[in-house]
C-alpha atoms as a PDB file:
ATOM      1  CA  MET A   1      -4.746  11.355  -7.957  1.00  0.00           C
ATOM      2  CA  SER A   2      -8.212  11.356  -9.431  1.00  0.00           C
ATOM      3  CA  GLU A   3     -10.822  10.832  -6.722  1.00  0.00           C
ATOM      4  CA  GLU A   4     -12.887   8.788  -9.158  1.00  0.00           C
ATOM      5  CA  ILE A   5     -10.008   6.373  -9.836  1.00  0.00           C
ATOM      6  CA  VAL A   6      -9.185   6.130  -6.126  1.00  0.00           C
ATOM      7  CA  ALA A   7     -12.847   5.281  -5.456  1.00  0.00           C
ATOM      8  CA  THR A   8     -12.696   2.601  -8.162  1.00  0.00           C
ATOM      9  CA  ILE A   9      -9.543   1.084  -6.639  1.00  0.00           C
ATOM     10  CA  LYS A  10     -11.033   1.127  -3.128  1.00  0.00           C
ATOM     11  CA  GLY A  11     -14.191  -0.536  -4.429  1.00  0.00           C
ATOM     12  CA  GLN A  12     -12.223  -3.258  -6.200  1.00  0.00           C
ATOM     13  CA  ILE A  13     -10.129  -3.987  -3.128  1.00  0.00           C
ATOM     14  CA  GLU A  14     -13.137  -3.998  -0.786  1.00  0.00           C
ATOM     15  CA  SER A  15     -15.335  -6.194  -2.982  1.00  0.00           C
ATOM     16  CA  ASN A  16     -12.721  -8.869  -3.762  1.00  0.00           C
ATOM     17  CA  PRO A  17     -11.209 -10.809  -0.855  1.00  0.00           C
ATOM     18  CA  ILE A  18      -8.311 -11.946  -3.068  1.00  0.00           C
ATOM     19  CA  LEU A  19      -7.347  -9.419  -5.736  1.00  0.00           C
ATOM     20  CA  LEU A  20      -4.287  -9.267  -7.944  1.00  0.00           C
ATOM     21  CA  TYR A  21      -3.364  -6.166  -9.907  1.00  0.00           C
ATOM     22  CA  MET A  22      -1.222  -7.551 -12.700  1.00  0.00           C
ATOM     23  CA  LYS A  23      -0.007  -7.089 -16.251  1.00  0.00           C
ATOM     24  CA  GLY A  24      -2.227  -9.226 -18.454  1.00  0.00           C
ATOM     25  CA  SER A  25      -4.534 -11.979 -17.222  1.00  0.00           C
ATOM     26  CA  PRO A  26      -3.939 -15.206 -15.299  1.00  0.00           C
ATOM     27  CA  GLN A  27      -4.369 -17.084 -18.587  1.00  0.00           C
ATOM     28  CA  ALA A  28      -1.981 -14.750 -20.453  1.00  0.00           C
ATOM     29  CA  PRO A  29       0.325 -12.827 -18.103  1.00  0.00           C
ATOM     30  CA  GLN A  30       2.263 -10.049 -19.816  1.00  0.00           C
ATOM     31  CA  CYS A  31       5.325 -10.101 -17.562  1.00  0.00           C
ATOM     32  CA  GLY A  32       7.335 -12.706 -15.706  1.00  0.00           C
ATOM     33  CA  PHE A  33       6.600 -11.244 -12.276  1.00  0.00           C
ATOM     34  CA  SER A  34       2.851 -11.395 -12.900  1.00  0.00           C
ATOM     35  CA  ALA A  35       3.207 -14.951 -14.233  1.00  0.00           C
ATOM     36  CA  GLN A  36       5.143 -16.061 -11.131  1.00  0.00           C
ATOM     37  CA  THR A  37       2.602 -14.488  -8.779  1.00  0.00           C
ATOM     38  CA  VAL A  38      -0.300 -16.120 -10.634  1.00  0.00           C
ATOM     39  CA  GLN A  39       1.402 -19.521 -10.368  1.00  0.00           C
ATOM     40  CA  CYS A  40       1.694 -19.119  -6.591  1.00  0.00           C
ATOM     41  CA  LEU A  41      -1.963 -18.147  -6.305  1.00  0.00           C
ATOM     42  CA  ILE A  42      -3.157 -20.988  -8.551  1.00  0.00           C
ATOM     43  CA  ALA A  43      -1.125 -23.442  -6.455  1.00  0.00           C
ATOM     44  CA  CYS A  44      -3.097 -22.274  -3.397  1.00  0.00           C
ATOM     45  CA  GLY A  45      -6.238 -23.675  -5.039  1.00  0.00           C
ATOM     46  CA  GLN A  46      -8.603 -20.752  -4.498  1.00  0.00           C
ATOM     47  CA  ARG A  47     -10.338 -18.439  -6.929  1.00  0.00           C
ATOM     48  CA  PHE A  48      -9.050 -14.901  -7.101  1.00  0.00           C
ATOM     49  CA  ALA A  49      -9.983 -11.723  -8.915  1.00  0.00           C
ATOM     50  CA  TYR A  50      -7.582  -9.730 -11.035  1.00  0.00           C
ATOM     51  CA  VAL A  51      -7.319  -6.377 -12.755  1.00  0.00           C
ATOM     52  CA  ASP A  52      -5.231  -6.078 -15.910  1.00  0.00           C
ATOM     53  CA  ILE A  53      -3.446  -2.761 -15.401  1.00  0.00           C
ATOM     54  CA  LEU A  54      -2.390  -2.712 -19.054  1.00  0.00           C
ATOM     55  CA  SER A  55      -6.080  -2.403 -19.991  1.00  0.00           C
ATOM     56  CA  HIS A  56      -6.661   0.231 -17.297  1.00  0.00           C
ATOM     57  CA  PRO A  57      -3.903   2.856 -17.617  1.00  0.00           C
ATOM     58  CA  GLU A  58      -5.610   5.146 -15.105  1.00  0.00           C
ATOM     59  CA  ILE A  59      -5.407   2.439 -12.431  1.00  0.00           C
ATOM     60  CA  ARG A  60      -1.829   1.654 -13.467  1.00  0.00           C
ATOM     61  CA  ALA A  61      -0.912   5.315 -12.986  1.00  0.00           C
ATOM     62  CA  THR A  62      -2.769   5.785  -9.689  1.00  0.00           C
ATOM     63  CA  LEU A  63      -2.308   2.533  -7.752  1.00  0.00           C
ATOM     64  CA  PRO A  64       1.423   2.896  -6.946  1.00  0.00           C
ATOM     65  CA  THR A  65       0.761   6.213  -5.199  1.00  0.00           C
ATOM     66  CA  TYR A  66      -2.444   4.984  -3.553  1.00  0.00           C
ATOM     67  CA  ALA A  67      -0.753   1.837  -2.248  1.00  0.00           C
ATOM     68  CA  ASN A  68       2.656   3.389  -1.606  1.00  0.00           C
ATOM     69  CA  TRP A  69       4.004   0.412  -3.568  1.00  0.00           C
ATOM     70  CA  PRO A  70       5.798   1.300  -6.808  1.00  0.00           C
ATOM     71  CA  THR A  71       5.663  -1.937  -8.795  1.00  0.00           C
ATOM     72  CA  PHE A  72       3.286  -4.548 -10.170  1.00  0.00           C
ATOM     73  CA  PRO A  73       1.913  -7.068  -9.521  1.00  0.00           C
ATOM     74  CA  GLN A  74       0.217  -6.136  -6.262  1.00  0.00           C
ATOM     75  CA  LEU A  75      -1.699  -8.734  -4.249  1.00  0.00           C
ATOM     76  CA  TYR A  76      -4.447  -7.708  -1.841  1.00  0.00           C
ATOM     77  CA  VAL A  77      -6.025 -10.152   0.614  1.00  0.00           C
ATOM     78  CA  ASP A  78      -8.968  -9.026   2.731  1.00  0.00           C
ATOM     79  CA  GLY A  79      -8.307  -5.409   1.776  1.00  0.00           C
ATOM     80  CA  GLU A  80      -4.655  -5.475   2.806  1.00  0.00           C
ATOM     81  CA  LEU A  81      -1.686  -5.142   0.475  1.00  0.00           C
ATOM     82  CA  ILE A  82       0.397  -8.295   0.824  1.00  0.00           C
ATOM     83  CA  GLY A  83       3.071  -7.232  -1.650  1.00  0.00           C
ATOM     84  CA  GLY A  84       4.504  -8.035  -5.039  1.00  0.00           C
ATOM     85  CA  CYS A  85       6.068 -11.029  -6.708  1.00  0.00           C
ATOM     86  CA  ASP A  86       9.039 -11.451  -4.356  1.00  0.00           C
ATOM     87  CA  ILE A  87       6.955 -11.308  -1.174  1.00  0.00           C
ATOM     88  CA  VAL A  88       4.203 -13.546  -2.568  1.00  0.00           C
ATOM     89  CA  THR A  89       6.775 -16.098  -3.763  1.00  0.00           C
ATOM     90  CA  GLU A  90       8.614 -16.066  -0.426  1.00  0.00           C
ATOM     91  CA  MET A  91       5.339 -16.507   1.469  1.00  0.00           C
ATOM     92  CA  PHE A  92       4.318 -19.347  -0.855  1.00  0.00           C
ATOM     93  CA  GLU A  93       7.648 -21.156  -0.453  1.00  0.00           C
ATOM     94  CA  ALA A  94       7.503 -20.725   3.334  1.00  0.00           C
ATOM     95  CA  GLY A  95       3.963 -22.192   3.442  1.00  0.00           C
ATOM     96  CA  GLU A  96       2.459 -18.896   4.617  1.00  0.00           C
ATOM     97  CA  LEU A  97       0.498 -17.883   1.520  1.00  0.00           C
ATOM     98  CA  GLU A  98      -1.874 -20.837   1.168  1.00  0.00           C
ATOM     99  CA  PRO A  99      -3.427 -20.544   4.673  1.00  0.00           C
ATOM    100  CA  LEU A 100      -3.882 -16.790   4.181  1.00  0.00           C
ATOM    101  CA  ILE A 101      -5.568 -17.291   0.797  1.00  0.00           C
ATOM    102  CA  LYS A 102      -7.695 -20.183   2.066  1.00  0.00           C
ATOM    103  CA  GLU A 103      -8.883 -18.187   5.064  1.00  0.00           C
ATOM    104  CA  ALA A 104      -9.951 -15.277   2.844  1.00  0.00           C
ATOM    105  CA  ALA A 105     -11.748 -17.630   0.429  1.00  0.00           C
ATOM    106  CA  ASP A 106     -13.457 -19.544   3.258  1.00  0.00           C
ATOM    107  CA  ALA A 107     -14.737 -16.309   4.799  1.00  0.00           C
ATOM    108  CA  VAL A 108     -16.492 -15.503   1.514  1.00  0.00           C
ATOM    109  CA  GLU A 109     -18.121 -18.932   1.322  1.00  0.00           C
ATOM    110  CA  GLU A 110     -19.342 -18.673   4.917  1.00  0.00           C
ATOM    111  CA  GLY A 111     -20.482 -15.065   4.539  1.00  0.00           C
END
C-alpha cells in the first residue's frame, strides 16, 4: 500500500463525519449496491460526503486492504467503518442507521 494513498484515505475519513466510498456519485450511482446505500443515507436526511472510487483508482485499489473490507460501497461514520450495502440496508430497516447518522451530523453542527 502506498503511504501517500493511505494518508489520503485517513484524512478523508477523519475530516468527514459521514463518508461513503462508492461507485459513481449520489446523483448518478454506477452500481446497484451504491445506489441502495445512497437511498438509505438520503432517507436519513443528513448531508454526507462521498468519494467516487471509479474516479480514484488508487483509492479503489488500496481501501479494501486498508479497511479489511473487500467490497464497495463502504460507509464510515465518525471514523468507523459501518459496512457495505447489506449492513447499511439492514441497519436502516431496523431503525438503527438514522440515529447514528443524525448523531454524527449533530456533532458537526455543535462543534
